[in-house]
């Protein structure tokens, strides 16, 4: 059996990744972070001026127990 790779994190351009997954019929492999990840990242950027990646924010939120695995 051939194993399929799963993309754990999307690139920063979610909409582009979504349309690419539709075109290539790989939508089931696409990981889109919970909406709270986007809000937390925006709040951090507003407070500190630093823009972290979605992967970084999601990993930190999971480590703090703010998101389920």
Protein backbone atom coordinates (compact mmCIF):
# COMPACT_ATOMS: atom_id res chain seq x y z
CA UNK A 1 0.00 0.00 0.00
CA UNK A 2 1.25 3.43 -0.90
CA UNK A 3 1.29 5.88 2.01
CA UNK A 4 0.11 9.42 1.46
CA UNK A 5 1.91 12.28 3.10
CA UNK A 6 -0.16 14.62 5.22
CA UNK A 7 0.60 18.32 5.38
CA UNK A 8 0.48 19.22 9.06
CA UNK A 9 0.78 22.96 8.67
CA UNK A 10 -0.47 25.21 5.95
CA UNK A 11 1.57 27.99 4.46
CA UNK A 12 0.82 31.51 5.60
CA UNK A 13 -1.52 32.13 2.66
CA UNK A 14 -4.45 29.94 3.71
CA UNK A 15 -6.72 30.86 0.81
CA UNK A 16 -4.05 30.01 -1.76
CA UNK A 17 -3.38 26.67 -0.03
CA UNK A 18 -7.13 25.94 0.04
CA UNK A 19 -7.57 26.56 -3.69
CA UNK A 20 -4.45 24.54 -4.48
CA UNK A 21 -5.83 21.63 -2.45
CA UNK A 22 -9.11 21.82 -4.37
CA UNK A 23 -7.30 21.87 -7.73
CA UNK A 24 -5.09 18.91 -6.81
CA UNK A 25 -7.85 16.98 -5.02
CA UNK A 26 -5.88 16.93 -1.73
CA UNK A 27 -8.35 18.79 0.44
CA UNK A 28 -8.43 15.98 3.02
CA UNK A 29 -4.69 16.52 3.66
CA UNK A 30 -5.01 20.26 4.27
CA UNK A 31 -4.65 21.49 7.84
CA UNK A 32 -6.32 24.82 8.58
CA UNK A 33 -5.72 26.11 12.12
CA UNK A 34 -8.64 26.94 14.41
CA UNK A 35 -9.90 30.51 14.07
CA UNK A 36 -8.62 31.37 17.55
CA UNK A 37 -5.06 30.92 16.28
CA UNK A 38 -5.61 33.77 13.82
CA UNK A 39 -7.09 36.01 16.53
CA UNK A 40 -4.27 35.30 18.99
CA UNK A 41 -1.66 35.97 16.32
CA UNK A 42 -3.33 39.28 15.45
CA UNK A 43 -3.45 40.27 19.14
CA UNK A 44 0.23 39.43 19.63
CA UNK A 45 1.14 41.43 16.55
CA UNK A 46 -0.93 44.41 17.72
CA UNK A 47 0.71 44.34 21.16
CA UNK A 48 4.32 43.63 20.23
CA UNK A 49 4.64 44.39 16.54
CA UNK A 50 6.04 40.90 15.95
CA UNK A 51 4.24 38.66 13.44
CA UNK A 52 4.71 34.99 14.30
CA UNK A 53 3.89 32.16 11.92
CA UNK A 54 0.61 30.30 12.30
CA UNK A 55 2.57 27.14 13.13
CA UNK A 56 4.42 28.90 15.93
CA UNK A 57 1.26 30.37 17.48
CA UNK A 58 -0.68 27.10 17.16
CA UNK A 59 2.15 25.11 18.76
CA UNK A 60 2.38 27.59 21.65
CA UNK A 61 -1.40 27.52 22.17
CA UNK A 62 -1.37 23.70 22.28
CA UNK A 63 1.50 23.74 24.77
CA UNK A 64 -0.47 26.12 27.01
CA UNK A 65 -3.59 23.96 26.81
CA UNK A 66 -5.56 26.52 24.85
CA UNK A 67 -6.14 24.10 21.94
CA UNK A 68 -6.81 20.40 21.83
CA UNK A 69 -4.44 18.17 19.89
